[in-house]
Amino acid sequence: MSTTLTARFHEQAGTDPKTGLYNARYFKWTLREALRRAVRFDHPLSVIKADMDLLRNINSNFGRPAGDLALNGTAEIIHRNMREYDVAGRLGGEEFAVILPKTDAGEALAVAERIREQVESTCFSVSTSTRPIEVTISLGVASYPVHGVDAKEVLHQADQAVYHAKLCGRNRSCIAAAFGGDDPHG
């Protein structure tokens, strides 16, 4: 097998076929590697976890193709807001995550808010609706070393921040609680 063909095979094996972002397995492996580098070089690292709000309602009201269009549109918005060395993945269903090397929680929250605002302001035209459909997204931010010291804990804390965003009414971005400290949700 040629080197180019091997590289293409590995890339495709780690890619989510629906959105073109990395799949959950590849994303989690990449997060572990990125965190090892952050620890070694004493740099911050942040993770944004995102969950589309009420995608099941779009699927129920307008059909699965409409939901897929919203899912792909959201993935494109996330991808447009990344730097060259950031990594985005689809973790499953309507869940996404982004690795932001050399980025603290405040900087990551600004990226999350930019993504949230762009998703909120984008309307998707679908054949099953007379008017464009609107989508919102809830996001959570967690950072090494403030919110956790290993990949599993940082991702878990970002997930908890998404959960908090959902409980507070959806369509918002929140920062995880400080690791072993008070709750500084944004």
C-alpha atoms as a PDB file:
ATOM      1  CA  MET A   1       0.000   0.000   0.000  1.00  0.00           C
ATOM      2  CA  SER A   2       1.441   3.401  -0.923  1.00  0.00           C
ATOM      3  CA  THR A   3       2.193   5.962   1.771  1.00  0.00           C
ATOM      4  CA  THR A   4      -0.439   8.353   0.388  1.00  0.00           C
ATOM      5  CA  LEU A   5      -3.065   5.619   0.297  1.00  0.00           C
ATOM      6  CA  THR A   6      -2.180   4.547   3.853  1.00  0.00           C
ATOM      7  CA  ALA A   7      -2.454   8.128   5.118  1.00  0.00           C
ATOM      8  CA  ARG A   8      -5.820   8.572   3.373  1.00  0.00           C
ATOM      9  CA  PHE A   9      -7.074   5.288   4.868  1.00  0.00           C
ATOM     10  CA  HIS A  10      -6.095   6.344   8.397  1.00  0.00           C
ATOM     11  CA  GLU A  11      -7.739   9.748   7.934  1.00  0.00           C
ATOM     12  CA  GLN A  12     -10.958   8.195   6.660  1.00  0.00           C
ATOM     13  CA  ALA A  13     -11.001   5.647   9.489  1.00  0.00           C
ATOM     14  CA  GLY A  14     -10.904   8.510  12.008  1.00  0.00           C
ATOM     15  CA  THR A  15     -13.507  10.670  10.250  1.00  0.00           C
ATOM     16  CA  ASP A  16     -17.220  10.863  10.942  1.00  0.00           C
ATOM     17  CA  PRO A  17     -18.877  10.147   7.559  1.00  0.00           C
ATOM     18  CA  LYS A  18     -21.849  12.457   8.177  1.00  0.00           C
ATOM     19  CA  THR A  19     -20.010  15.667   9.150  1.00  0.00           C
ATOM     20  CA  GLY A  20     -16.429  15.192   7.969  1.00  0.00           C
ATOM     21  CA  LEU A  21     -15.154  15.998  11.486  1.00  0.00           C
ATOM     22  CA  TYR A  22     -13.117  13.446  13.401  1.00  0.00           C
ATOM     23  CA  ASN A  23     -15.034  10.594  15.019  1.00  0.00           C
ATOM     24  CA  ALA A  24     -15.236  10.065  18.780  1.00  0.00           C
ATOM     25  CA  ARG A  25     -12.494   7.431  18.962  1.00  0.00           C
ATOM     26  CA  TYR A  26      -9.966   9.505  17.032  1.00  0.00           C
ATOM     27  CA  PHE A  27     -10.960  12.674  18.905  1.00  0.00           C
ATOM     28  CA  LYS A  28     -10.409  11.060  22.313  1.00  0.00           C
ATOM     29  CA  TRP A  29      -7.025   9.649  21.245  1.00  0.00           C
ATOM     30  CA  THR A  30      -6.020  13.098  19.960  1.00  0.00           C
ATOM     31  CA  LEU A  31      -7.156  14.721  23.210  1.00  0.00           C
ATOM     32  CA  ARG A  32      -4.963  12.360  25.250  1.00  0.00           C
ATOM     33  CA  GLU A  33      -1.966  13.177  23.020  1.00  0.00           C
ATOM     34  CA  ALA A  34      -2.639  16.934  23.123  1.00  0.00           C
ATOM     35  CA  LEU A  35      -2.931  16.810  26.899  1.00  0.00           C
ATOM     36  CA  ARG A  36       0.393  14.963  27.163  1.00  0.00           C
ATOM     37  CA  ARG A  37       2.001  17.821  25.214  1.00  0.00           C
ATOM     38  CA  ALA A  38       0.272  20.422  27.402  1.00  0.00           C
ATOM     39  CA  VAL A  39       1.607  18.731  30.549  1.00  0.00           C
ATOM     40  CA  ARG A  40       5.102  18.320  29.101  1.00  0.00           C
ATOM     41  CA  PHE A  41       5.408  21.940  27.970  1.00  0.00           C
ATOM     42  CA  ASP A  42       3.339  23.430  30.814  1.00  0.00           C
ATOM     43  CA  HIS A  43       0.735  24.985  28.496  1.00  0.00           C
ATOM     44  CA  PRO A  44      -2.983  25.328  29.084  1.00  0.00           C
ATOM     45  CA  LEU A  45      -5.363  23.274  26.969  1.00  0.00           C
ATOM     46  CA  SER A  46      -9.110  23.724  26.698  1.00  0.00           C
ATOM     47  CA  VAL A  47     -11.949  21.607  25.429  1.00  0.00           C
ATOM     48  CA  ILE A  48     -15.268  22.892  24.181  1.00  0.00           C
ATOM     49  CA  LYS A  49     -18.071  20.375  24.251  1.00  0.00           C
ATOM     50  CA  ALA A  50     -21.221  21.279  22.347  1.00  0.00           C
ATOM     51  CA  ASP A  51     -24.660  19.741  22.122  1.00  0.00           C
ATOM     52  CA  MET A  52     -27.296  20.890  19.660  1.00  0.00           C
ATOM     53  CA  ASP A  53     -30.516  21.896  21.401  1.00  0.00           C
ATOM     54  CA  LEU A  54     -33.609  19.841  20.616  1.00  0.00           C
ATOM     55  CA  LEU A  55     -32.383  18.267  17.374  1.00  0.00           C
ATOM     56  CA  ARG A  56     -34.949  15.515  17.903  1.00  0.00           C
ATOM     57  CA  ASN A  57     -37.702  18.137  17.448  1.00  0.00           C
ATOM     58  CA  ILE A  58     -36.247  19.146  14.081  1.00  0.00           C
ATOM     59  CA  ASN A  59     -36.126  15.480  13.053  1.00  0.00           C
ATOM     60  CA  SER A  60     -39.723  14.933  14.240  1.00  0.00           C
ATOM     61  CA  ASN A  61     -41.197  18.107  12.743  1.00  0.00           C
ATOM     62  CA  PHE A  62     -39.262  18.397   9.484  1.00  0.00           C
ATOM     63  CA  GLY A  63     -37.752  14.951   8.865  1.00  0.00           C
ATOM     64  CA  ARG A  64     -34.324  13.436   9.362  1.00  0.00           C
ATOM     65  CA  PRO A  65     -32.849  15.127   6.230  1.00  0.00           C
ATOM     66  CA  ALA A  66     -33.615  18.497   7.848  1.00  0.00           C
ATOM     67  CA  GLY A  67     -31.892  17.353  11.034  1.00  0.00           C
ATOM     68  CA  ASP A  68     -28.900  16.165   9.014  1.00  0.00           C
ATOM     69  CA  LEU A  69     -28.722  19.560   7.280  1.00  0.00           C
ATOM     70  CA  ALA A  70     -28.711  21.322  10.670  1.00  0.00           C
ATOM     71  CA  LEU A  71     -26.106  18.858  11.980  1.00  0.00           C
ATOM     72  CA  ASN A  72     -23.817  19.428   8.994  1.00  0.00           C
ATOM     73  CA  GLY A  73     -24.331  23.188   9.100  1.00  0.00           C
ATOM     74  CA  THR A  74     -23.380  23.240  12.769  1.00  0.00           C
ATOM     75  CA  ALA A  75     -20.276  21.137  12.049  1.00  0.00           C
ATOM     76  CA  GLU A  76     -19.257  23.626   9.339  1.00  0.00           C
ATOM     77  CA  ILE A  77     -19.655  26.560  11.736  1.00  0.00           C
ATOM     78  CA  ILE A  78     -17.519  24.791  14.339  1.00  0.00           C
ATOM     79  CA  HIS A  79     -14.861  24.027  11.725  1.00  0.00           C
ATOM     80  CA  ARG A  80     -14.794  27.660  10.498  1.00  0.00           C
ATOM     81  CA  ASN A  81     -14.065  28.866  14.032  1.00  0.00           C
ATOM     82  CA  MET A  82     -11.019  26.672  14.566  1.00  0.00           C
ATOM     83  CA  ARG A  83      -7.385  27.531  14.214  1.00  0.00           C
ATOM     84  CA  GLU A  84      -5.172  25.347  12.042  1.00  0.00           C
ATOM     85  CA  TYR A  85      -3.980  23.282  15.014  1.00  0.00           C
ATOM     86  CA  ASP A  86      -7.330  22.931  16.832  1.00  0.00           C
ATOM     87  CA  VAL A  87      -9.141  19.605  16.473  1.00  0.00           C
ATOM     88  CA  ALA A  88     -12.912  19.125  16.206  1.00  0.00           C
ATOM     89  CA  GLY A  89     -14.862  15.924  16.421  1.00  0.00           C
ATOM     90  CA  ARG A  90     -18.384  14.602  16.457  1.00  0.00           C
ATOM     91  CA  LEU A  91     -18.736  12.515  19.584  1.00  0.00           C
ATOM     92  CA  GLY A  92     -22.070  11.041  18.550  1.00  0.00           C
ATOM     93  CA  GLY A  93     -25.628  12.107  17.832  1.00  0.00           C
ATOM     94  CA  GLU A  94     -25.693  15.867  18.095  1.00  0.00           C
ATOM     95  CA  GLU A  95     -22.571  16.156  20.299  1.00  0.00           C
ATOM     96  CA  PHE A  96     -19.389  17.866  19.156  1.00  0.00           C
ATOM     97  CA  ALA A  97     -16.107  18.733  20.857  1.00  0.00           C
ATOM     98  CA  VAL A  98     -13.097  20.906  20.053  1.00  0.00           C
ATOM     99  CA  ILE A  99      -9.542  20.682  21.425  1.00  0.00           C
ATOM    100  CA  LEU A 100      -7.908  24.099  21.812  1.00  0.00           C
ATOM    101  CA  PRO A 101      -4.175  23.753  22.585  1.00  0.00           C
ATOM    102  CA  LYS A 102      -2.433  26.657  24.336  1.00  0.00           C
ATOM    103  CA  THR A 103      -5.824  28.156  25.237  1.00  0.00           C
ATOM    104  CA  ASP A 104      -7.132  28.998  28.697  1.00  0.00           C
ATOM    105  CA  ALA A 105     -10.773  28.797  29.763  1.00  0.00           C
ATOM    106  CA  GLY A 106     -11.519  32.471  29.128  1.00  0.00           C
ATOM    107  CA  GLU A 107     -10.183  32.319  25.581  1.00  0.00           C
ATOM    108  CA  ALA A 108     -12.067  29.074  24.963  1.00  0.00           C
ATOM    109  CA  LEU A 109     -15.288  30.630  26.271  1.00  0.00           C
ATOM    110  CA  ALA A 110     -14.907  33.422  23.703  1.00  0.00           C
ATOM    111  CA  VAL A 111     -14.585  30.794  20.934  1.00  0.00           C
ATOM    112  CA  ALA A 112     -17.598  28.905  22.296  1.00  0.00           C
ATOM    113  CA  GLU A 113     -19.678  32.078  22.316  1.00  0.00           C
ATOM    114  CA  ARG A 114     -18.650  32.894  18.752  1.00  0.00           C
ATOM    115  CA  ILE A 115     -19.751  29.416  17.655  1.00  0.00           C
ATOM    116  CA  ARG A 116     -23.007  29.712  19.612  1.00  0.00           C
ATOM    117  CA  GLU A 117     -23.863  33.096  18.117  1.00  0.00           C
ATOM    118  CA  GLN A 118     -23.138  31.919  14.575  1.00  0.00           C
ATOM    119  CA  VAL A 119     -25.266  28.789  14.994  1.00  0.00           C
ATOM    120  CA  GLU A 120     -28.101  30.862  16.466  1.00  0.00           C
ATOM    121  CA  SER A 121     -28.002  33.365  13.590  1.00  0.00           C
ATOM    122  CA  THR A 122     -27.932  30.721  10.844  1.00  0.00           C
ATOM    123  CA  CYS A 123     -31.210  29.601   9.294  1.00  0.00           C
ATOM    124  CA  PHE A 124     -31.464  26.398   7.294  1.00  0.00           C
ATOM    125  CA  SER A 125     -33.789  26.163   4.304  1.00  0.00           C
ATOM    126  CA  VAL A 126     -35.398  22.745   4.009  1.00  0.00           C
ATOM    127  CA  SER A 127     -37.999  21.451   1.591  1.00  0.00           C
ATOM    128  CA  THR A 128     -40.243  20.240   4.423  1.00  0.00           C
ATOM    129  CA  SER A 129     -40.791  23.725   5.869  1.00  0.00           C
ATOM    130  CA  THR A 130     -42.214  26.911   4.388  1.00  0.00           C
ATOM    131  CA  ARG A 131     -39.783  28.942   6.469  1.00  0.00           C
ATOM    132  CA  PRO A 132     -36.125  28.331   7.314  1.00  0.00           C
ATOM    133  CA  ILE A 133     -35.498  26.362  10.499  1.00  0.00           C
ATOM    134  CA  GLU A 134     -33.477  27.753  13.362  1.00  0.00           C
ATOM    135  CA  VAL A 135     -31.039  25.868  15.544  1.00  0.00           C
ATOM    136  CA  THR A 136     -29.364  26.611  18.865  1.00  0.00           C
ATOM    137  CA  ILE A 137     -26.507  24.945  20.668  1.00  0.00           C
ATOM    138  CA  SER A 138     -25.354  24.667  24.281  1.00  0.00           C
ATOM    139  CA  LEU A 139     -21.624  24.624  24.974  1.00  0.00           C
ATOM    140  CA  GLY A 140     -19.366  23.802  27.892  1.00  0.00           C
ATOM    141  CA  VAL A 141     -15.723  24.717  28.405  1.00  0.00           C
ATOM    142  CA  ALA A 142     -13.148  22.971  30.577  1.00  0.00           C
ATOM    143  CA  SER A 143      -9.402  23.507  30.747  1.00  0.00           C
ATOM    144  CA  TYR A 144      -6.268  21.743  31.899  1.00  0.00           C
ATOM    145  CA  PRO A 145      -5.117  22.131  34.663  1.00  0.00           C
ATOM    146  CA  VAL A 146      -7.951  24.191  36.225  1.00  0.00           C
ATOM    147  CA  HIS A 147     -10.774  21.726  35.598  1.00  0.00           C
ATOM    148  CA  GLY A 148      -8.905  18.452  35.439  1.00  0.00           C
ATOM    149  CA  VAL A 149      -5.492  16.911  34.964  1.00  0.00           C
ATOM    150  CA  ASP A 150      -6.285  14.093  32.549  1.00  0.00           C
ATOM    151  CA  ALA A 151      -8.203  13.854  29.283  1.00  0.00           C
ATOM    152  CA  LYS A 152     -11.129  11.931  30.747  1.00  0.00           C
ATOM    153  CA  GLU A 153     -11.672  14.460  33.550  1.00  0.00           C
ATOM    154  CA  VAL A 154     -11.352  17.543  31.306  1.00  0.00           C
ATOM    155  CA  LEU A 155     -13.869  16.079  28.853  1.00  0.00           C
ATOM    156  CA  HIS A 156     -16.180  15.115  31.734  1.00  0.00           C
ATOM    157  CA  GLN A 157     -16.006  18.627  33.180  1.00  0.00           C
ATOM    158  CA  ALA A 158     -16.802  20.132  29.762  1.00  0.00           C
ATOM    159  CA  ASP A 159     -19.779  17.761  29.584  1.00  0.00           C
ATOM    160  CA  GLN A 160     -20.946  18.910  33.025  1.00  0.00           C
ATOM    161  CA  ALA A 161     -20.725  22.514  31.839  1.00  0.00           C
ATOM    162  CA  VAL A 162     -22.935  21.635  28.835  1.00  0.00           C
ATOM    163  CA  TYR A 163     -25.412  20.039  31.229  1.00  0.00           C
ATOM    164  CA  HIS A 164     -25.417  23.253  33.283  1.00  0.00           C
ATOM    165  CA  ALA A 165     -25.998  25.312  30.117  1.00  0.00           C
ATOM    166  CA  LYS A 166     -28.994  23.121  29.265  1.00  0.00           C
ATOM    167  CA  LEU A 167     -30.417  23.477  32.790  1.00  0.00           C
ATOM    168  CA  CYS A 168     -30.068  27.256  32.574  1.00  0.00           C
ATOM    169  CA  GLY A 169     -32.255  27.432  29.475  1.00  0.00           C
ATOM    170  CA  ARG A 170     -30.118  26.180  26.566  1.00  0.00           C
ATOM    171  CA  ASN A 171     -28.440  28.305  23.874  1.00  0.00           C
ATOM    172  CA  ARG A 172     -25.595  29.406  26.124  1.00  0.00           C
ATOM    173  CA  SER A 173     -21.953  28.714  26.944  1.00  0.00           C
ATOM    174  CA  CYS A 174     -20.711  27.821  30.435  1.00  0.00           C
ATOM    175  CA  ILE A 175     -17.324  27.210  32.005  1.00  0.00           C
ATOM    176  CA  ALA A 176     -16.866  24.121  34.191  1.00  0.00           C
ATOM    177  CA  ALA A 177     -16.521  24.372  37.939  1.00  0.00           C
ATOM    178  CA  ALA A 178     -12.926  24.776  39.093  1.00  0.00           C
ATOM    179  CA  PHE A 179     -11.311  21.429  39.864  1.00  0.00           C
ATOM    180  CA  GLY A 180     -11.990  20.985  43.584  1.00  0.00           C
ATOM    181  CA  GLY A 181     -13.210  24.585  43.925  1.00  0.00           C
ATOM    182  CA  ASP A 182     -16.273  26.776  43.690  1.00  0.00           C
ATOM    183  CA  ASP A 183     -18.705  26.852  40.770  1.00  0.00           C
ATOM    184  CA  PRO A 184     -17.695  29.705  38.388  1.00  0.00           C
ATOM    185  CA  HIS A 185     -20.198  28.933  35.613  1.00  0.00           C
ATOM    186  CA  GLY A 186     -20.225  31.597  32.963  1.00  0.00           C
END
